[in-house]
Amino acid sequence: MKLADGLHCTLYSYSPATAQRKQRWHEDGGQRHFYGTAEAARQAVLYLKREVKRDPEHVWEPMHLEKLEIAVPSTDVLVVLLNQGVSSLVKSCDIIETIDNVD
C-alpha cells in the first residue's frame, strides 16, 4: 500500500552514528524510541550515555539525534505501520546533532 502525499508530523529519535544512512530505518528487529521534542530525545541519549559510561566493559559510541517527518496517523497509516513497519512511514530524516564521546 502506497501512502498518498499529504499531512505529516514531526518526531525525534536517535540512531548509532555508525549506521549507514540508507539503512537506518529498515526493520532490523531493534527497538526504536520516538520523542515529541528534540530535547526529550537528547535527554534520552544523554541518560543512555551516562549508563554506558558507568559500565567499564562498554564503550560509548556516538549517536545521531534525528528529526523524522512521518505520515499523520490514519487508518491507512496504521495498516501500513502494522504490516510494513515504521520505515515505510518515514517521509524524511535529518540528522540534527551528534552526541559523541566528549563529556
PDB file of N, CA and C in Angstrom:
ATOM      1  N   MET A   1       0.849  -1.171   0.000  1.00  0.00           N
ATOM      2  CA  MET A   1       0.000   0.000   0.000  1.00  0.00           C
ATOM      3  C   MET A   1       0.893   1.231   0.000  1.00  0.00           C
ATOM      4  N   LYS A   2       0.670   2.124  -0.931  1.00  0.00           N
ATOM      5  CA  LYS A   2       1.442   3.362  -1.004  1.00  0.00           C
ATOM      6  C   LYS A   2       0.628   4.471  -0.360  1.00  0.00           C
ATOM      7  N   LEU A   3       1.267   5.271   0.473  1.00  0.00           N
ATOM      8  CA  LEU A   3       0.580   6.367   1.133  1.00  0.00           C
ATOM      9  C   LEU A   3       0.556   7.586   0.229  1.00  0.00           C
ATOM     10  N   ALA A   4      -0.573   8.268   0.233  1.00  0.00           N
ATOM     11  CA  ALA A   4      -0.680   9.500  -0.534  1.00  0.00           C
ATOM     12  C   ALA A   4       0.144  10.585   0.149  1.00  0.00           C
ATOM     13  N   ASP A   5       0.712  11.479  -0.663  1.00  0.00           N
ATOM     14  CA  ASP A   5       1.406  12.620  -0.068  1.00  0.00           C
ATOM     15  C   ASP A   5       0.371  13.472   0.635  1.00  0.00           C
ATOM     16  N   GLY A   6       0.749  14.049   1.732  1.00  0.00           N
ATOM     17  CA  GLY A   6      -0.199  14.868   2.465  1.00  0.00           C
ATOM     18  C   GLY A   6       0.384  15.304   3.780  1.00  0.00           C
ATOM     19  N   LEU A   7      -0.455  15.304   4.785  1.00  0.00           N
ATOM     20  CA  LEU A   7      -0.050  15.771   6.095  1.00  0.00           C
ATOM     21  C   LEU A   7       1.004  14.858   6.708  1.00  0.00           C
ATOM     22  N   HIS A   8       1.828  15.455   7.510  1.00  0.00           N
ATOM     23  CA  HIS A   8       2.850  14.688   8.215  1.00  0.00           C
ATOM     24  C   HIS A   8       3.032  15.280   9.609  1.00  0.00           C
ATOM     25  N   CYS A   9       3.708  14.548  10.458  1.00  0.00           N
ATOM     26  CA  CYS A   9       4.045  15.064  11.781  1.00  0.00           C
ATOM     27  C   CYS A   9       5.542  14.868  11.999  1.00  0.00           C
ATOM     28  N   THR A  10       6.071  15.617  12.946  1.00  0.00           N
ATOM     29  CA  THR A  10       7.496  15.577  13.241  1.00  0.00           C
ATOM     30  C   THR A  10       7.725  14.835  14.547  1.00  0.00           C
ATOM     31  N   LEU A  11       8.610  13.874  14.509  1.00  0.00           N
ATOM     32  CA  LEU A  11       9.038  13.131  15.690  1.00  0.00           C
ATOM     33  C   LEU A  11      10.556  13.166  15.737  1.00  0.00           C
ATOM     34  N   TYR A  12      11.104  12.805  16.876  1.00  0.00           N
ATOM     35  CA  TYR A  12      12.553  12.782  17.048  1.00  0.00           C
ATOM     36  C   TYR A  12      12.969  11.416  17.559  1.00  0.00           C
ATOM     37  N   SER A  13      14.164  10.996  17.172  1.00  0.00           N
ATOM     38  CA  SER A  13      14.684   9.705  17.588  1.00  0.00           C
ATOM     39  C   SER A  13      16.206   9.783  17.592  1.00  0.00           C
ATOM     40  N   TYR A  14      16.843   8.644  17.735  1.00  0.00           N
ATOM     41  CA  TYR A  14      18.300   8.585  17.657  1.00  0.00           C
ATOM     42  C   TYR A  14      18.717   7.260  17.054  1.00  0.00           C
ATOM     43  N   SER A  15      19.932   7.251  16.514  1.00  0.00           N
ATOM     44  CA  SER A  15      20.493   6.027  15.945  1.00  0.00           C
ATOM     45  C   SER A  15      22.009   6.101  16.074  1.00  0.00           C
ATOM     46  N   PRO A  16      22.679   4.948  16.046  1.00  0.00           N
ATOM     47  CA  PRO A  16      24.145   4.964  16.112  1.00  0.00           C
ATOM     48  C   PRO A  16      24.728   5.753  14.944  1.00  0.00           C
ATOM     49  N   ALA A  17      25.734   6.559  15.218  1.00  0.00           N
ATOM     50  CA  ALA A  17      26.373   7.356  14.169  1.00  0.00           C
ATOM     51  C   ALA A  17      27.067   6.471  13.146  1.00  0.00           C
ATOM     52  N   THR A  18      27.260   5.207  13.478  1.00  0.00           N
ATOM     53  CA  THR A  18      27.919   4.273  12.564  1.00  0.00           C
ATOM     54  C   THR A  18      26.952   3.663  11.554  1.00  0.00           C
ATOM     55  N   ALA A  19      25.652   3.836  11.771  1.00  0.00           N
ATOM     56  CA  ALA A  19      24.656   3.240  10.868  1.00  0.00           C
ATOM     57  C   ALA A  19      24.721   3.915   9.501  1.00  0.00           C
ATOM     58  N   GLN A  20      24.608   3.110   8.463  1.00  0.00           N
ATOM     59  CA  GLN A  20      24.581   3.669   7.117  1.00  0.00           C
ATOM     60  C   GLN A  20      23.272   4.415   6.924  1.00  0.00           C
ATOM     61  N   ARG A  21      23.362   5.599   6.358  1.00  0.00           N
ATOM     62  CA  ARG A  21      22.195   6.483   6.233  1.00  0.00           C
ATOM     63  C   ARG A  21      20.987   5.793   5.601  1.00  0.00           C
ATOM     64  N   LYS A  22      21.171   5.076   4.524  1.00  0.00           N
ATOM     65  CA  LYS A  22      20.045   4.454   3.826  1.00  0.00           C
ATOM     66  C   LYS A  22      19.426   3.311   4.616  1.00  0.00           C
ATOM     67  N   GLN A  23      20.181   2.707   5.511  1.00  0.00           N
ATOM     68  CA  GLN A  23      19.688   1.526   6.213  1.00  0.00           C
ATOM     69  C   GLN A  23      19.196   1.809   7.627  1.00  0.00           C
ATOM     70  N   ARG A  24      19.282   3.050   8.079  1.00  0.00           N
ATOM     71  CA  ARG A  24      18.920   3.350   9.465  1.00  0.00           C
ATOM     72  C   ARG A  24      17.486   2.982   9.799  1.00  0.00           C
ATOM     73  N   TRP A  25      16.572   3.162   8.880  1.00  0.00           N
ATOM     74  CA  TRP A  25      15.160   2.956   9.199  1.00  0.00           C
ATOM     75  C   TRP A  25      14.595   1.673   8.634  1.00  0.00           C
ATOM     76  N   HIS A  26      15.431   0.776   8.157  1.00  0.00           N
ATOM     77  CA  HIS A  26      14.943  -0.537   7.738  1.00  0.00           C
ATOM     78  C   HIS A  26      14.685  -1.378   8.976  1.00  0.00           C
ATOM     79  N   GLU A  27      13.661  -2.188   8.914  1.00  0.00           N
ATOM     80  CA  GLU A  27      13.316  -3.034  10.059  1.00  0.00           C
ATOM     81  C   GLU A  27      14.424  -4.054  10.287  1.00  0.00           C
ATOM     82  N   ASP A  28      15.008  -4.026  11.476  1.00  0.00           N
ATOM     83  CA  ASP A  28      16.095  -4.946  11.801  1.00  0.00           C
ATOM     84  C   ASP A  28      15.848  -5.674  13.116  1.00  0.00           C
ATOM     85  N   GLY A  29      14.654  -5.533  13.647  1.00  0.00           N
ATOM     86  CA  GLY A  29      14.322  -6.181  14.907  1.00  0.00           C
ATOM     87  C   GLY A  29      14.705  -5.371  16.125  1.00  0.00           C
ATOM     88  N   GLY A  30      15.456  -4.301  15.922  1.00  0.00           N
ATOM     89  CA  GLY A  30      15.838  -3.439  17.041  1.00  0.00           C
ATOM     90  C   GLY A  30      14.680  -2.539  17.448  1.00  0.00           C
ATOM     91  N   GLN A  31      14.633  -2.228  18.727  1.00  0.00           N
ATOM     92  CA  GLN A  31      13.566  -1.364  19.222  1.00  0.00           C
ATOM     93  C   GLN A  31      13.911   0.092  18.947  1.00  0.00           C
ATOM     94  N   ARG A  32      12.951   0.844  18.472  1.00  0.00           N
ATOM     95  CA  ARG A  32      13.121   2.270  18.205  1.00  0.00           C
ATOM     96  C   ARG A  32      12.398   3.057  19.287  1.00  0.00           C
ATOM     97  N   HIS A  33      12.969   4.185  19.657  1.00  0.00           N
ATOM     98  CA  HIS A  33      12.335   5.076  20.618  1.00  0.00           C
ATOM     99  C   HIS A  33      12.057   6.397  19.918  1.00  0.00           C
ATOM    100  N   PHE A  34      10.869   6.921  20.116  1.00  0.00           N
ATOM    101  CA  PHE A  34      10.455   8.164  19.486  1.00  0.00           C
ATOM    102  C   PHE A  34      10.057   9.167  20.552  1.00  0.00           C
ATOM    103  N   TYR A  35      10.265  10.446  20.246  1.00  0.00           N
ATOM    104  CA  TYR A  35      10.007  11.522  21.198  1.00  0.00           C
ATOM    105  C   TYR A  35       9.310  12.673  20.483  1.00  0.00           C
ATOM    106  N   GLY A  36       8.569  13.456  21.257  1.00  0.00           N
ATOM    107  CA  GLY A  36       7.837  14.586  20.691  1.00  0.00           C
ATOM    108  C   GLY A  36       8.676  15.828  20.492  1.00  0.00           C
ATOM    109  N   THR A  37       9.831  15.900  21.165  1.00  0.00           N
ATOM    110  CA  THR A  37      10.709  17.065  21.026  1.00  0.00           C
ATOM    111  C   THR A  37      12.158  16.607  20.879  1.00  0.00           C
ATOM    112  N   ALA A  38      12.959  17.480  20.277  1.00  0.00           N
ATOM    113  CA  ALA A  38      14.388  17.190  20.149  1.00  0.00           C
ATOM    114  C   ALA A  38      15.033  17.115  21.528  1.00  0.00           C
ATOM    115  N   GLU A  39      14.596  17.972  22.441  1.00  0.00           N
ATOM    116  CA  GLU A  39      15.183  17.971  23.784  1.00  0.00           C
ATOM    117  C   GLU A  39      14.902  16.666  24.517  1.00  0.00           C
ATOM    118  N   ALA A  40      13.710  16.118  24.379  1.00  0.00           N
ATOM    119  CA  ALA A  40      13.391  14.834  25.022  1.00  0.00           C
ATOM    120  C   ALA A  40      14.276  13.724  24.462  1.00  0.00           C
ATOM    121  N   ALA A  41      14.501  13.721  23.151  1.00  0.00           N
ATOM    122  CA  ALA A  41      15.381  12.719  22.535  1.00  0.00           C
ATOM    123  C   ALA A  41      16.815  12.913  23.018  1.00  0.00           C
ATOM    124  N   ARG A  42      17.265  14.171  23.095  1.00  0.00           N
ATOM    125  CA  ARG A  42      18.621  14.477  23.561  1.00  0.00           C
ATOM    126  C   ARG A  42      18.820  13.982  24.999  1.00  0.00           C
ATOM    127  N   GLN A  43      17.853  14.232  25.861  1.00  0.00           N
ATOM    128  CA  GLN A  43      17.962  13.796  27.255  1.00  0.00           C
ATOM    129  C   GLN A  43      18.012  12.270  27.355  1.00  0.00           C
ATOM    130  N   ALA A  44      17.259  11.584  26.506  1.00  0.00           N
ATOM    131  CA  ALA A  44      17.286  10.115  26.499  1.00  0.00           C
ATOM    132  C   ALA A  44      18.668   9.601  26.100  1.00  0.00           C
ATOM    133  N   VAL A  45      19.282  10.233  25.106  1.00  0.00           N
ATOM    134  CA  VAL A  45      20.619   9.819  24.675  1.00  0.00           C
ATOM    135  C   VAL A  45      21.648  10.121  25.762  1.00  0.00           C
ATOM    136  N   LEU A  46      21.537  11.273  26.389  1.00  0.00           N
ATOM    137  CA  LEU A  46      22.480  11.615  27.457  1.00  0.00           C
ATOM    138  C   LEU A  46      22.344  10.662  28.641  1.00  0.00           C
ATOM    139  N   TYR A  47      21.136  10.247  28.951  1.00  0.00           N
ATOM    140  CA  TYR A  47      20.925   9.255  30.009  1.00  0.00           C
ATOM    141  C   TYR A  47      21.590   7.927  29.620  1.00  0.00           C
ATOM    142  N   LEU A  48      21.348   7.497  28.379  1.00  0.00           N
ATOM    143  CA  LEU A  48      21.961   6.262  27.886  1.00  0.00           C
ATOM    144  C   LEU A  48      23.486   6.355  27.947  1.00  0.00           C
ATOM    145  N   LYS A  49      24.019   7.497  27.556  1.00  0.00           N
ATOM    146  CA  LYS A  49      25.468   7.703  27.587  1.00  0.00           C
ATOM    147  C   LYS A  49      26.006   7.564  29.013  1.00  0.00           C
ATOM    148  N   ARG A  50      25.327   8.169  29.990  1.00  0.00           N
ATOM    149  CA  ARG A  50      25.759   8.048  31.391  1.00  0.00           C
ATOM    150  C   ARG A  50      25.744   6.592  31.852  1.00  0.00           C
ATOM    151  N   GLU A  51      24.702   5.862  31.464  1.00  0.00           N
ATOM    152  CA  GLU A  51      24.595   4.456  31.861  1.00  0.00           C
ATOM    153  C   GLU A  51      25.707   3.610  31.239  1.00  0.00           C
ATOM    154  N   VAL A  52      26.005   3.843  29.980  1.00  0.00           N
ATOM    155  CA  VAL A  52      27.069   3.092  29.296  1.00  0.00           C
ATOM    156  C   VAL A  52      28.418   3.397  29.939  1.00  0.00           C
ATOM    157  N   LYS A  53      28.666   4.656  30.251  1.00  0.00           N
ATOM    158  CA  LYS A  53      29.961   5.037  30.839  1.00  0.00           C
ATOM    159  C   LYS A  53      30.154   4.461  32.240  1.00  0.00           C
ATOM    160  N   ARG A  54      29.073   4.122  32.924  1.00  0.00           N
ATOM    161  CA  ARG A  54      29.181   3.521  34.260  1.00  0.00           C
ATOM    162  C   ARG A  54      29.680   2.082  34.192  1.00  0.00           C
ATOM    163  N   ASP A  55      29.525   1.451  33.049  1.00  0.00           N
ATOM    164  CA  ASP A  55      29.925   0.052  32.886  1.00  0.00           C
ATOM    165  C   ASP A  55      31.282   0.006  32.177  1.00  0.00           C
ATOM    166  N   PRO A  56      32.345  -0.368  32.881  1.00  0.00           N
ATOM    167  CA  PRO A  56      33.680  -0.352  32.273  1.00  0.00           C
ATOM    168  C   PRO A  56      33.847  -1.325  31.102  1.00  0.00           C
ATOM    169  N   GLU A  57      32.936  -2.267  30.945  1.00  0.00           N
ATOM    170  CA  GLU A  57      33.043  -3.223  29.841  1.00  0.00           C
ATOM    171  C   GLU A  57      32.447  -2.690  28.535  1.00  0.00           C
ATOM    172  N   HIS A  58      31.798  -1.537  28.595  1.00  0.00           N
ATOM    173  CA  HIS A  58      31.177  -0.976  27.396  1.00  0.00           C
ATOM    174  C   HIS A  58      31.814   0.364  27.041  1.00  0.00           C
ATOM    175  N   VAL A  59      31.825   0.658  25.771  1.00  0.00           N
ATOM    176  CA  VAL A  59      32.371   1.915  25.269  1.00  0.00           C
ATOM    177  C   VAL A  59      31.245   2.676  24.582  1.00  0.00           C
ATOM    178  N   TRP A  60      31.139   3.955  24.870  1.00  0.00           N
ATOM    179  CA  TRP A  60      30.115   4.784  24.237  1.00  0.00           C
ATOM    180  C   TRP A  60      30.448   5.001  22.773  1.00  0.00           C
ATOM    181  N   GLU A  61      29.473   4.781  21.936  1.00  0.00           N
ATOM    182  CA  GLU A  61      29.600   5.057  20.506  1.00  0.00           C
ATOM    183  C   GLU A  61      28.729   6.271  20.194  1.00  0.00           C
ATOM    184  N   PRO A  62      29.208   7.204  19.369  1.00  0.00           N
ATOM    185  CA  PRO A  62      28.423   8.396  19.061  1.00  0.00           C
ATOM    186  C   PRO A  62      27.034   8.044  18.513  1.00  0.00           C
ATOM    187  N   MET A  63      26.076   8.895  18.843  1.00  0.00           N
ATOM    188  CA  MET A  63      24.690   8.714  18.397  1.00  0.00           C
ATOM    189  C   MET A  63      24.237   9.975  17.673  1.00  0.00           C
ATOM    190  N   HIS A  64      23.444   9.777  16.622  1.00  0.00           N
ATOM    191  CA  HIS A  64      22.821  10.894  15.908  1.00  0.00           C
ATOM    192  C   HIS A  64      21.440  11.142  16.489  1.00  0.00           C
ATOM    193  N   LEU A  65      21.133  12.402  16.769  1.00  0.00           N
ATOM    194  CA  LEU A  65      19.748  12.786  17.022  1.00  0.00           C
ATOM    195  C   LEU A  65      19.130  13.035  15.658  1.00  0.00           C
ATOM    196  N   GLU A  66      17.911  12.561  15.463  1.00  0.00           N
ATOM    197  CA  GLU A  66      17.278  12.657  14.151  1.00  0.00           C
ATOM    198  C   GLU A  66      15.899  13.291  14.243  1.00  0.00           C
ATOM    199  N   LYS A  67      15.596  14.093  13.250  1.00  0.00           N
ATOM    200  CA  LYS A  67      14.272  14.685  13.090  1.00  0.00           C
ATOM    201  C   LYS A  67      13.587  13.922  11.966  1.00  0.00           C
ATOM    202  N   LEU A  68      12.432  13.334  12.264  1.00  0.00           N
ATOM    203  CA  LEU A  68      11.716  12.498  11.299  1.00  0.00           C
ATOM    204  C   LEU A  68      10.384  13.125  10.926  1.00  0.00           C
ATOM    205  N   GLU A  69      10.091  13.131   9.665  1.00  0.00           N
ATOM    206  CA  GLU A  69       8.774  13.530   9.180  1.00  0.00           C
ATOM    207  C   GLU A  69       8.061  12.241   8.792  1.00  0.00           C
ATOM    208  N   ILE A  70       6.929  11.976   9.425  1.00  0.00           N
ATOM    209  CA  ILE A  70       6.176  10.765   9.103  1.00  0.00           C
ATOM    210  C   ILE A  70       4.743  11.126   8.754  1.00  0.00           C
ATOM    211  N   ALA A  71       4.075  10.204   8.086  1.00  0.00           N
ATOM    212  CA  ALA A  71       2.683  10.407   7.704  1.00  0.00           C
ATOM    213  C   ALA A  71       1.816  10.534   8.954  1.00  0.00           C
ATOM    214  N   VAL A  72       0.840  11.441   8.904  1.00  0.00           N
ATOM    215  CA  VAL A  72      -0.086  11.632  10.023  1.00  0.00           C
ATOM    216  C   VAL A  72      -0.910  10.362  10.207  1.00  0.00           C
ATOM    217  N   PRO A  73      -1.109   9.955  11.465  1.00  0.00           N
ATOM    218  CA  PRO A  73      -1.879   8.732  11.722  1.00  0.00           C
ATOM    219  C   PRO A  73      -3.292   8.771  11.132  1.00  0.00           C
ATOM    220  N   SER A  74      -3.642   7.710  10.466  1.00  0.00           N
ATOM    221  CA  SER A  74      -4.976   7.483   9.906  1.00  0.00           C
ATOM    222  C   SER A  74      -5.127   5.965   9.815  1.00  0.00           C
ATOM    223  N   THR A  75      -6.272   5.497   9.401  1.00  0.00           N
ATOM    224  CA  THR A  75      -6.457   4.051   9.264  1.00  0.00           C
ATOM    225  C   THR A  75      -5.454   3.468   8.276  1.00  0.00           C
ATOM    226  N   ASP A  76      -5.277   4.130   7.131  1.00  0.00           N
ATOM    227  CA  ASP A  76      -4.315   3.638   6.136  1.00  0.00           C
ATOM    228  C   ASP A  76      -2.893   3.608   6.695  1.00  0.00           C
ATOM    229  N   VAL A  77      -2.530   4.650   7.423  1.00  0.00           N
ATOM    230  CA  VAL A  77      -1.193   4.721   8.003  1.00  0.00           C
ATOM    231  C   VAL A  77      -1.005   3.618   9.040  1.00  0.00           C
ATOM    232  N   LEU A  78      -2.013   3.377   9.855  1.00  0.00           N
ATOM    233  CA  LEU A  78      -1.935   2.317  10.856  1.00  0.00           C
ATOM    234  C   LEU A  78      -1.767   0.948  10.196  1.00  0.00           C
ATOM    235  N   VAL A  79      -2.484   0.707   9.115  1.00  0.00           N
ATOM    236  CA  VAL A  79      -2.363  -0.566   8.391  1.00  0.00           C
ATOM    237  C   VAL A  79      -0.933  -0.729   7.863  1.00  0.00           C
ATOM    238  N   VAL A  80      -0.376   0.321   7.278  1.00  0.00           N
ATOM    239  CA  VAL A  80       0.996   0.259   6.775  1.00  0.00           C
ATOM    240  C   VAL A  80       1.969   0.011   7.927  1.00  0.00           C
ATOM    241  N   LEU A  81       1.786   0.709   9.036  1.00  0.00           N
ATOM    242  CA  LEU A  81       2.663   0.530  10.194  1.00  0.00           C
ATOM    243  C   LEU A  81       2.648  -0.913  10.680  1.00  0.00           C
ATOM    244  N   LEU A  82       1.474  -1.484  10.815  1.00  0.00           N
ATOM    245  CA  LEU A  82       1.357  -2.852  11.309  1.00  0.00           C
ATOM    246  C   LEU A  82       1.902  -3.882  10.325  1.00  0.00           C
ATOM    247  N   ASN A  83       1.697  -3.652   9.045  1.00  0.00           N
ATOM    248  CA  ASN A  83       2.099  -4.637   8.038  1.00  0.00           C
ATOM    249  C   ASN A  83       3.518  -4.461   7.508  1.00  0.00           C
ATOM    250  N   GLN A  84       4.000  -3.224   7.460  1.00  0.00           N
ATOM    251  CA  GLN A  84       5.290  -2.971   6.818  1.00  0.00           C
ATOM    252  C   GLN A  84       6.329  -2.347   7.740  1.00  0.00           C
ATOM    253  N   GLY A  85       5.933  -1.911   8.915  1.00  0.00           N
ATOM    254  CA  GLY A  85       6.876  -1.320   9.859  1.00  0.00           C
ATOM    255  C   GLY A  85       7.039   0.177   9.681  1.00  0.00           C
ATOM    256  N   VAL A  86       7.686   0.784  10.663  1.00  0.00           N
ATOM    257  CA  VAL A  86       7.820   2.238  10.705  1.00  0.00           C
ATOM    258  C   VAL A  86       8.622   2.793   9.531  1.00  0.00           C
ATOM    259  N   SER A  87       9.555   2.033   9.000  1.00  0.00           N
ATOM    260  CA  SER A  87      10.395   2.553   7.914  1.00  0.00           C
ATOM    261  C   SER A  87       9.574   2.983   6.710  1.00  0.00           C
ATOM    262  N   SER A  88       8.436   2.350   6.485  1.00  0.00           N
ATOM    263  CA  SER A  88       7.602   2.710   5.340  1.00  0.00           C
ATOM    264  C   SER A  88       6.874   4.036   5.546  1.00  0.00           C
ATOM    265  N   LEU A  89       6.838   4.557   6.770  1.00  0.00           N
ATOM    266  CA  LEU A  89       6.146   5.813   7.053  1.00  0.00           C
ATOM    267  C   LEU A  89       7.068   7.020   7.052  1.00  0.00           C
ATOM    268  N   VAL A  90       8.376   6.801   7.107  1.00  0.00           N
ATOM    269  CA  VAL A  90       9.318   7.912   7.198  1.00  0.00           C
ATOM    270  C   VAL A  90       9.380   8.635   5.859  1.00  0.00           C
ATOM    271  N   LYS A  91       8.956   9.905   5.873  1.00  0.00           N
ATOM    272  CA  LYS A  91       8.988  10.724   4.657  1.00  0.00           C
ATOM    273  C   LYS A  91      10.359  11.375   4.484  1.00  0.00           C
ATOM    274  N   SER A  92      10.957  11.814   5.600  1.00  0.00           N
ATOM    275  CA  SER A  92      12.304  12.374   5.567  1.00  0.00           C
ATOM    276  C   SER A  92      12.944  12.187   6.932  1.00  0.00           C
ATOM    277  N   CYS A  93      14.260  12.200   6.927  1.00  0.00           N
ATOM    278  CA  CYS A  93      15.017  12.008   8.166  1.00  0.00           C
ATOM    279  C   CYS A  93      16.276  12.857   8.075  1.00  0.00           C
ATOM    280  N   ASP A  94      16.444  13.776   9.020  1.00  0.00           N
ATOM    281  CA  ASP A  94      17.610  14.646   9.049  1.00  0.00           C
ATOM    282  C   ASP A  94      18.352  14.472  10.363  1.00  0.00           C
ATOM    283  N   ILE A  95      19.665  14.373  10.290  1.00  0.00           N
ATOM    284  CA  ILE A  95      20.486  14.347  11.497  1.00  0.00           C
ATOM    285  C   ILE A  95      20.575  15.783  11.995  1.00  0.00           C
ATOM    286  N   ILE A  96      20.180  16.006  13.257  1.00  0.00           N
ATOM    287  CA  ILE A  96      20.214  17.360  13.797  1.00  0.00           C
ATOM    288  C   ILE A  96      21.354  17.580  14.788  1.00  0.00           C
ATOM    289  N   GLU A  97      21.965  16.498  15.244  1.00  0.00           N
ATOM    290  CA  GLU A  97      23.063  16.613  16.208  1.00  0.00           C
ATOM    291  C   GLU A  97      23.724  15.248  16.353  1.00  0.00           C
ATOM    292  N   THR A  98      25.012  15.249  16.682  1.00  0.00           N
ATOM    293  CA  THR A  98      25.717  14.017  17.025  1.00  0.00           C
ATOM    294  C   THR A  98      26.239  14.158  18.445  1.00  0.00           C
ATOM    295  N   ILE A  99      25.894  13.199  19.289  1.00  0.00           N
ATOM    296  CA  ILE A  99      26.387  13.182  20.660  1.00  0.00           C
ATOM    297  C   ILE A  99      27.535  12.186  20.688  1.00  0.00           C
ATOM    298  N   ASP A 100      28.744  12.727  20.876  1.00  0.00           N
ATOM    299  CA  ASP A 100      29.938  11.890  20.750  1.00  0.00           C
ATOM    300  C   ASP A 100      30.535  11.552  22.109  1.00  0.00           C
ATOM    301  N   ASN A 101      31.814  11.212  22.118  1.00  0.00           N
ATOM    302  CA  ASN A 101      32.488  10.762  23.334  1.00  0.00           C
ATOM    303  C   ASN A 101      32.918  11.887  24.261  1.00  0.00           C
ATOM    304  N   VAL A 102      32.805  13.120  23.830  1.00  0.00           N
ATOM    305  CA  VAL A 102      33.206  14.254  24.652  1.00  0.00           C
ATOM    306  C   VAL A 102      32.194  14.428  25.774  1.00  0.00           C
ATOM    307  N   ASP A 103      32.686  14.625  26.991  1.00  0.00           N
ATOM    308  CA  ASP A 103      31.780  14.831  28.132  1.00  0.00           C
ATOM    309  C   ASP A 103      31.211  16.218  28.150  1.00  0.00           C
TER     310      ASP A 103
END
